[in-house]
Structure formats: structure tokens, C-alpha cells
Amino acid sequence: MPNVLQRFRPMLVTLVAAIVVGPSVCWGQSEPELISTHKDWVVYVYDEGAGKVCYMLSAALESSPEIGGRAEAWVTVTHRPSASIKNEIGVIAGYDYQIGAGVNAIVDTKKFELFSQGDGAWLLTVEEESEMVADMKKGRRLAVVGISLDGSTTTDKYSLLGFTAAHRAISKACS
């Protein structure tokens, strides 16, 4: 398997700009700092001005079917202590989801329903986020199933190897 950092490096700048950093870099955010790598998960921290943000991410190991022009798919888990946010799970599909179509995340065999907007999807409640994180710690695989604007049903498969260690690392960094 290729080095995880080498695999993530090309998409990291796009991911950070789109999700984490956005236009607020102008207001004093620091650049994300690599904290650690845990098998298929990478951990970063940065200061958004109001406080630390710690997040972990993994790219899909497999995506099907192939959609022309699709960017890489990602899953993130974020802690923002200054906003009392913990275990915020985000999915970046690499394409825009069909409006009104739900997205399913399946941890081993347990299904979670997410809402989508553009190319992102999230759980509806804090309780669901905590439950999904607990299941991801025990699980082996994560699959995310969504529908693209053209009606194609896609499945992105992620490894949960290293998830628990990466989650410990973001929890420690943002304690």
C-alpha cells in the first residue's frame, strides 16, 4: 500500500480550502499542522482564531461506478472545542449529490442516514454522530452510498484501520 501521506497530499490542499480553512484564512487562521498518521487515517490541527480545530480524514479506498470529472471522496471527523463541537462527521463525495436524495453511511452492517448539500453530507444530530463514531471505533469498513446529479448511485468504501488511534489523537490535541 502506498504511503498514506503521499496518497493524501494532492487532495489535502483542496480539502482544507473547501471544508476547513475556506475564506477565513484572511481572519487569522493558521495552516493545518500534521499531528500523526494512523494506518488509513491522518490527523491535523489548526487554530481558527477562536481556538483549535482538530480533524482526522481518510480517502475512499474504492469508488464505484467511476464518474468522469469526479474528485476524490473523503470522510472527516472534526472537534471544535470553542464551538462545543465534537465528533462532527462529514462526507465529501467529489461530486454534487442529487438534491433531496439522502445519503447512507454503513459501518459494517449498521446504516446511518445523512443529509446532503452540494458535494457534502452530514448526520442530523449530535447523538447520531457519537453513535456512528462509537461504531466506527469497533468497525472494520465504512461504505457511503449516494446519488449523483445525473442519477448514478455511487458507493465509496473506506477502511476503518487506524480510526480509533486517530480519534484518540484528535481528542488529545483538542482537550
C-alpha atoms as a PDB file:
ATOM      1  CA  MET A   1       0.000   0.000   0.000  1.00  0.00           C
ATOM      2  CA  PRO A   2       1.386   3.466  -0.839  1.00  0.00           C
ATOM      3  CA  ASN A   3       2.337   5.796   1.974  1.00  0.00           C
ATOM      4  CA  VAL A   4      -0.858   7.398   3.308  1.00  0.00           C
ATOM      5  CA  LEU A   5       0.648  10.893   3.353  1.00  0.00           C
ATOM      6  CA  GLN A   6       1.714  10.626  -0.289  1.00  0.00           C
ATOM      7  CA  ARG A   7      -1.780   9.472  -1.192  1.00  0.00           C
ATOM      8  CA  PHE A   8      -3.485  12.355   0.627  1.00  0.00           C
ATOM      9  CA  ARG A   9      -1.079  15.169  -0.228  1.00  0.00           C
ATOM     10  CA  PRO A  10      -2.506  16.018  -3.683  1.00  0.00           C
ATOM     11  CA  MET A  11      -6.056  16.421  -2.372  1.00  0.00           C
ATOM     12  CA  LEU A  12      -5.269  17.891   1.040  1.00  0.00           C
ATOM     13  CA  VAL A  13      -4.926  21.467  -0.164  1.00  0.00           C
ATOM     14  CA  THR A  14      -8.303  21.272  -1.929  1.00  0.00           C
ATOM     15  CA  LEU A  15      -9.960  19.601   1.040  1.00  0.00           C
ATOM     16  CA  VAL A  16      -8.626  22.064   3.564  1.00  0.00           C
ATOM     17  CA  ALA A  17      -9.578  25.041   1.411  1.00  0.00           C
ATOM     18  CA  ALA A  18     -13.076  23.742   0.737  1.00  0.00           C
ATOM     19  CA  ILE A  19     -14.035  22.478   4.179  1.00  0.00           C
ATOM     20  CA  VAL A  20     -11.838  23.603   6.970  1.00  0.00           C
ATOM     21  CA  VAL A  21      -9.972  26.739   6.018  1.00  0.00           C
ATOM     22  CA  GLY A  22     -12.289  28.374   3.483  1.00  0.00           C
ATOM     23  CA  PRO A  23     -12.092  32.127   3.090  1.00  0.00           C
ATOM     24  CA  SER A  24     -11.493  32.675   6.810  1.00  0.00           C
ATOM     25  CA  VAL A  25      -7.709  32.330   6.344  1.00  0.00           C
ATOM     26  CA  CYS A  26      -7.876  36.084   5.933  1.00  0.00           C
ATOM     27  CA  TRP A  27      -9.021  36.356   9.551  1.00  0.00           C
ATOM     28  CA  GLY A  28      -6.009  34.800  11.197  1.00  0.00           C
ATOM     29  CA  GLN A  29      -6.366  31.066  10.828  1.00  0.00           C
ATOM     30  CA  SER A  30      -3.192  29.058  10.923  1.00  0.00           C
ATOM     31  CA  GLU A  31      -2.227  26.459   8.363  1.00  0.00           C
ATOM     32  CA  PRO A  32      -3.169  22.876   9.301  1.00  0.00           C
ATOM     33  CA  GLU A  33      -0.361  21.024  11.062  1.00  0.00           C
ATOM     34  CA  LEU A  34       0.057  17.295  10.620  1.00  0.00           C
ATOM     35  CA  ILE A  35      -0.153  15.647  14.041  1.00  0.00           C
ATOM     36  CA  SER A  36       0.021  11.956  13.169  1.00  0.00           C
ATOM     37  CA  THR A  37      -0.850   9.176  10.757  1.00  0.00           C
ATOM     38  CA  HIS A  38      -2.684   6.050  11.868  1.00  0.00           C
ATOM     39  CA  LYS A  39      -2.875   3.426   9.102  1.00  0.00           C
ATOM     40  CA  ASP A  40      -5.616   4.790   6.765  1.00  0.00           C
ATOM     41  CA  TRP A  41      -6.349   7.971   8.776  1.00  0.00           C
ATOM     42  CA  VAL A  42      -4.426  11.247   9.056  1.00  0.00           C
ATOM     43  CA  VAL A  43      -4.757  13.777  11.905  1.00  0.00           C
ATOM     44  CA  TYR A  44      -4.395  17.568  11.640  1.00  0.00           C
ATOM     45  CA  VAL A  45      -4.828  20.553  13.926  1.00  0.00           C
ATOM     46  CA  TYR A  46      -5.040  24.273  13.228  1.00  0.00           C
ATOM     47  CA  ASP A  47      -6.034  27.461  15.039  1.00  0.00           C
ATOM     48  CA  GLU A  48      -9.128  29.139  13.602  1.00  0.00           C
ATOM     49  CA  GLY A  49      -8.685  32.262  15.714  1.00  0.00           C
ATOM     50  CA  ALA A  50     -11.411  31.307  18.217  1.00  0.00           C
ATOM     51  CA  GLY A  51      -9.467  28.192  19.184  1.00  0.00           C
ATOM     52  CA  LYS A  52      -8.097  24.894  17.978  1.00  0.00           C
ATOM     53  CA  VAL A  53      -9.768  22.695  15.406  1.00  0.00           C
ATOM     54  CA  CYS A  54      -8.670  19.057  15.297  1.00  0.00           C
ATOM     55  CA  TYR A  55      -9.706  16.772  12.489  1.00  0.00           C
ATOM     56  CA  MET A  56      -8.973  13.384  11.033  1.00  0.00           C
ATOM     57  CA  LEU A  57      -9.593  12.266   7.486  1.00  0.00           C
ATOM     58  CA  SER A  58      -9.425   9.315   5.168  1.00  0.00           C
ATOM     59  CA  ALA A  59      -9.845   8.963   1.420  1.00  0.00           C
ATOM     60  CA  ALA A  60     -12.053   6.294  -0.118  1.00  0.00           C
ATOM     61  CA  LEU A  61     -10.121   3.144  -0.979  1.00  0.00           C
ATOM     62  CA  GLU A  62     -12.625   2.282  -3.693  1.00  0.00           C
ATOM     63  CA  SER A  63     -15.332   4.267  -5.508  1.00  0.00           C
ATOM     64  CA  SER A  64     -17.824   2.870  -7.983  1.00  0.00           C
ATOM     65  CA  PRO A  65     -19.014   3.452 -10.549  1.00  0.00           C
ATOM     66  CA  GLU A  66     -16.452   5.824 -11.970  1.00  0.00           C
ATOM     67  CA  ILE A  67     -17.910   9.244 -12.786  1.00  0.00           C
ATOM     68  CA  GLY A  68     -15.992  11.436 -15.211  1.00  0.00           C
ATOM     69  CA  GLY A  69     -14.520  14.534 -13.578  1.00  0.00           C
ATOM     70  CA  ARG A  70     -15.181  13.270 -10.070  1.00  0.00           C
ATOM     71  CA  ALA A  71     -12.764  14.403  -7.377  1.00  0.00           C
ATOM     72  CA  GLU A  72     -11.588  12.072  -4.615  1.00  0.00           C
ATOM     73  CA  ALA A  73     -14.088  11.110  -1.891  1.00  0.00           C
ATOM     74  CA  TRP A  74     -13.278  11.787   1.797  1.00  0.00           C
ATOM     75  CA  VAL A  75     -14.631  11.247   5.300  1.00  0.00           C
ATOM     76  CA  THR A  76     -13.687  13.607   8.125  1.00  0.00           C
ATOM     77  CA  VAL A  77     -14.271  13.725  11.878  1.00  0.00           C
ATOM     78  CA  THR A  78     -13.799  17.129  13.493  1.00  0.00           C
ATOM     79  CA  HIS A  79     -13.576  18.564  17.032  1.00  0.00           C
ATOM     80  CA  ARG A  80     -14.062  22.331  17.547  1.00  0.00           C
ATOM     81  CA  PRO A  81     -13.927  22.847  21.336  1.00  0.00           C
ATOM     82  CA  SER A  82     -14.520  26.618  21.130  1.00  0.00           C
ATOM     83  CA  ALA A  83     -17.892  25.916  19.460  1.00  0.00           C
ATOM     84  CA  SER A  84     -18.652  22.886  21.683  1.00  0.00           C
ATOM     85  CA  ILE A  85     -18.500  20.613  18.615  1.00  0.00           C
ATOM     86  CA  LYS A  86     -17.188  17.086  18.992  1.00  0.00           C
ATOM     87  CA  ASN A  87     -17.308  14.154  16.555  1.00  0.00           C
ATOM     88  CA  GLU A  88     -18.715  16.119  13.607  1.00  0.00           C
ATOM     89  CA  ILE A  89     -18.685  13.609  10.743  1.00  0.00           C
ATOM     90  CA  GLY A  90     -18.514  14.963   7.224  1.00  0.00           C
ATOM     91  CA  VAL A  91     -18.501  13.246   3.844  1.00  0.00           C
ATOM     92  CA  ILE A  92     -17.097  14.896   0.732  1.00  0.00           C
ATOM     93  CA  ALA A  93     -18.350  12.984  -2.311  1.00  0.00           C
ATOM     94  CA  GLY A  94     -16.177  14.504  -5.032  1.00  0.00           C
ATOM     95  CA  TYR A  95     -19.370  15.296  -6.988  1.00  0.00           C
ATOM     96  CA  ASP A  96     -22.636  17.093  -6.157  1.00  0.00           C
ATOM     97  CA  TYR A  97     -25.333  14.917  -4.663  1.00  0.00           C
ATOM     98  CA  GLN A  98     -28.790  14.871  -6.207  1.00  0.00           C
ATOM     99  CA  ILE A  99     -30.968  17.470  -4.467  1.00  0.00           C
ATOM    100  CA  GLY A 100     -33.335  15.845  -1.993  1.00  0.00           C
ATOM    101  CA  ALA A 101     -31.680  12.446  -2.208  1.00  0.00           C
ATOM    102  CA  GLY A 102     -30.444  11.029   1.074  1.00  0.00           C
ATOM    103  CA  VAL A 103     -27.007   9.583   1.641  1.00  0.00           C
ATOM    104  CA  ASN A 104     -26.399   6.390   3.607  1.00  0.00           C
ATOM    105  CA  ALA A 105     -23.285   5.599   5.608  1.00  0.00           C
ATOM    106  CA  ILE A 106     -22.940   1.942   6.542  1.00  0.00           C
ATOM    107  CA  VAL A 107     -20.495   0.930   9.283  1.00  0.00           C
ATOM    108  CA  ASP A 108     -20.060  -2.806   8.758  1.00  0.00           C
ATOM    109  CA  THR A 109     -23.820  -3.571   8.664  1.00  0.00           C
ATOM    110  CA  LYS A 110     -25.297  -0.620  10.605  1.00  0.00           C
ATOM    111  CA  LYS A 111     -26.846   2.121   8.462  1.00  0.00           C
ATOM    112  CA  PHE A 112     -26.901   5.861   9.224  1.00  0.00           C
ATOM    113  CA  GLU A 113     -28.882   8.381   7.169  1.00  0.00           C
ATOM    114  CA  LEU A 114     -27.180  11.668   6.277  1.00  0.00           C
ATOM    115  CA  PHE A 115     -28.470  14.832   4.661  1.00  0.00           C
ATOM    116  CA  SER A 116     -26.599  16.331   1.749  1.00  0.00           C
ATOM    117  CA  GLN A 117     -25.912  19.726   0.273  1.00  0.00           C
ATOM    118  CA  GLY A 118     -23.713  20.139  -2.776  1.00  0.00           C
ATOM    119  CA  ASP A 119     -20.884  17.625  -2.501  1.00  0.00           C
ATOM    120  CA  GLY A 120     -21.117  17.231   1.290  1.00  0.00           C
ATOM    121  CA  ALA A 121     -23.185  15.095   3.655  1.00  0.00           C
ATOM    122  CA  TRP A 122     -23.648  15.146   7.437  1.00  0.00           C
ATOM    123  CA  LEU A 123     -25.595  13.437  10.181  1.00  0.00           C
ATOM    124  CA  LEU A 124     -28.607  15.262  11.593  1.00  0.00           C
ATOM    125  CA  THR A 125     -27.899  15.051  15.335  1.00  0.00           C
ATOM    126  CA  VAL A 126     -25.047  15.072  17.824  1.00  0.00           C
ATOM    127  CA  GLU A 127     -26.345  11.785  19.224  1.00  0.00           C
ATOM    128  CA  GLU A 128     -26.074  10.120  15.807  1.00  0.00           C
ATOM    129  CA  GLU A 129     -22.532  11.447  15.426  1.00  0.00           C
ATOM    130  CA  SER A 130     -21.489   9.978  18.779  1.00  0.00           C
ATOM    131  CA  GLU A 131     -23.171   6.669  17.924  1.00  0.00           C
ATOM    132  CA  MET A 132     -21.531   6.476  14.496  1.00  0.00           C
ATOM    133  CA  VAL A 133     -18.086   7.304  15.933  1.00  0.00           C
ATOM    134  CA  ALA A 134     -18.527   4.534  18.536  1.00  0.00           C
ATOM    135  CA  ASP A 135     -19.486   2.096  15.772  1.00  0.00           C
ATOM    136  CA  MET A 136     -16.552   3.226  13.602  1.00  0.00           C
ATOM    137  CA  LYS A 137     -14.178   2.518  16.508  1.00  0.00           C
ATOM    138  CA  LYS A 138     -15.448  -1.077  16.621  1.00  0.00           C
ATOM    139  CA  GLY A 139     -15.928  -1.475  12.878  1.00  0.00           C
ATOM    140  CA  ARG A 140     -13.752  -2.603  10.003  1.00  0.00           C
ATOM    141  CA  ARG A 141     -15.338  -0.929   6.974  1.00  0.00           C
ATOM    142  CA  LEU A 142     -17.394   2.126   6.092  1.00  0.00           C
ATOM    143  CA  ALA A 143     -19.402   2.458   2.896  1.00  0.00           C
ATOM    144  CA  VAL A 144     -21.081   5.688   1.776  1.00  0.00           C
ATOM    145  CA  VAL A 145     -23.876   5.381  -0.776  1.00  0.00           C
ATOM    146  CA  GLY A 146     -25.206   8.465  -2.563  1.00  0.00           C
ATOM    147  CA  ILE A 147     -26.873   9.582  -5.778  1.00  0.00           C
ATOM    148  CA  SER A 148     -25.191  11.993  -8.186  1.00  0.00           C
ATOM    149  CA  LEU A 149     -26.951  14.773 -10.086  1.00  0.00           C
ATOM    150  CA  ASP A 150     -27.212  12.512 -13.131  1.00  0.00           C
ATOM    151  CA  GLY A 151     -28.941   9.804 -11.068  1.00  0.00           C
ATOM    152  CA  SER A 152     -25.985   7.441 -10.692  1.00  0.00           C
ATOM    153  CA  THR A 153     -25.884   5.582  -7.373  1.00  0.00           C
ATOM    154  CA  THR A 154     -22.324   5.577  -6.075  1.00  0.00           C
ATOM    155  CA  THR A 155     -20.625   3.584  -3.351  1.00  0.00           C
ATOM    156  CA  ASP A 156     -17.415   4.742  -1.687  1.00  0.00           C
ATOM    157  CA  LYS A 157     -15.614   2.268   0.559  1.00  0.00           C
ATOM    158  CA  TYR A 158     -13.317   3.296   3.418  1.00  0.00           C
ATOM    159  CA  SER A 159     -11.085   1.365   5.768  1.00  0.00           C
ATOM    160  CA  LEU A 160     -11.502   1.935   9.484  1.00  0.00           C
ATOM    161  CA  LEU A 161      -7.969   0.703  10.219  1.00  0.00           C
ATOM    162  CA  GLY A 162      -6.378   3.308  12.471  1.00  0.00           C
ATOM    163  CA  PHE A 163      -9.684   5.084  13.190  1.00  0.00           C
ATOM    164  CA  THR A 164      -9.579   4.577  16.974  1.00  0.00           C
ATOM    165  CA  ALA A 165      -5.964   5.766  17.301  1.00  0.00           C
ATOM    166  CA  ALA A 166      -6.668   8.787  15.079  1.00  0.00           C
ATOM    167  CA  HIS A 167      -9.755   9.644  17.131  1.00  0.00           C
ATOM    168  CA  ARG A 168      -7.683   9.428  20.331  1.00  0.00           C
ATOM    169  CA  ALA A 169      -5.181  11.803  18.734  1.00  0.00           C
ATOM    170  CA  ILE A 170      -7.770  14.482  17.834  1.00  0.00           C
ATOM    171  CA  SER A 171      -9.371  14.129  21.257  1.00  0.00           C
ATOM    172  CA  LYS A 172      -5.997  14.632  22.975  1.00  0.00           C
ATOM    173  CA  ALA A 173      -4.980  17.524  20.711  1.00  0.00           C
ATOM    174  CA  CYS A 174      -8.289  19.339  21.336  1.00  0.00           C
ATOM    175  CA  SER A 175      -8.737  18.526  25.040  1.00  0.00           C
END
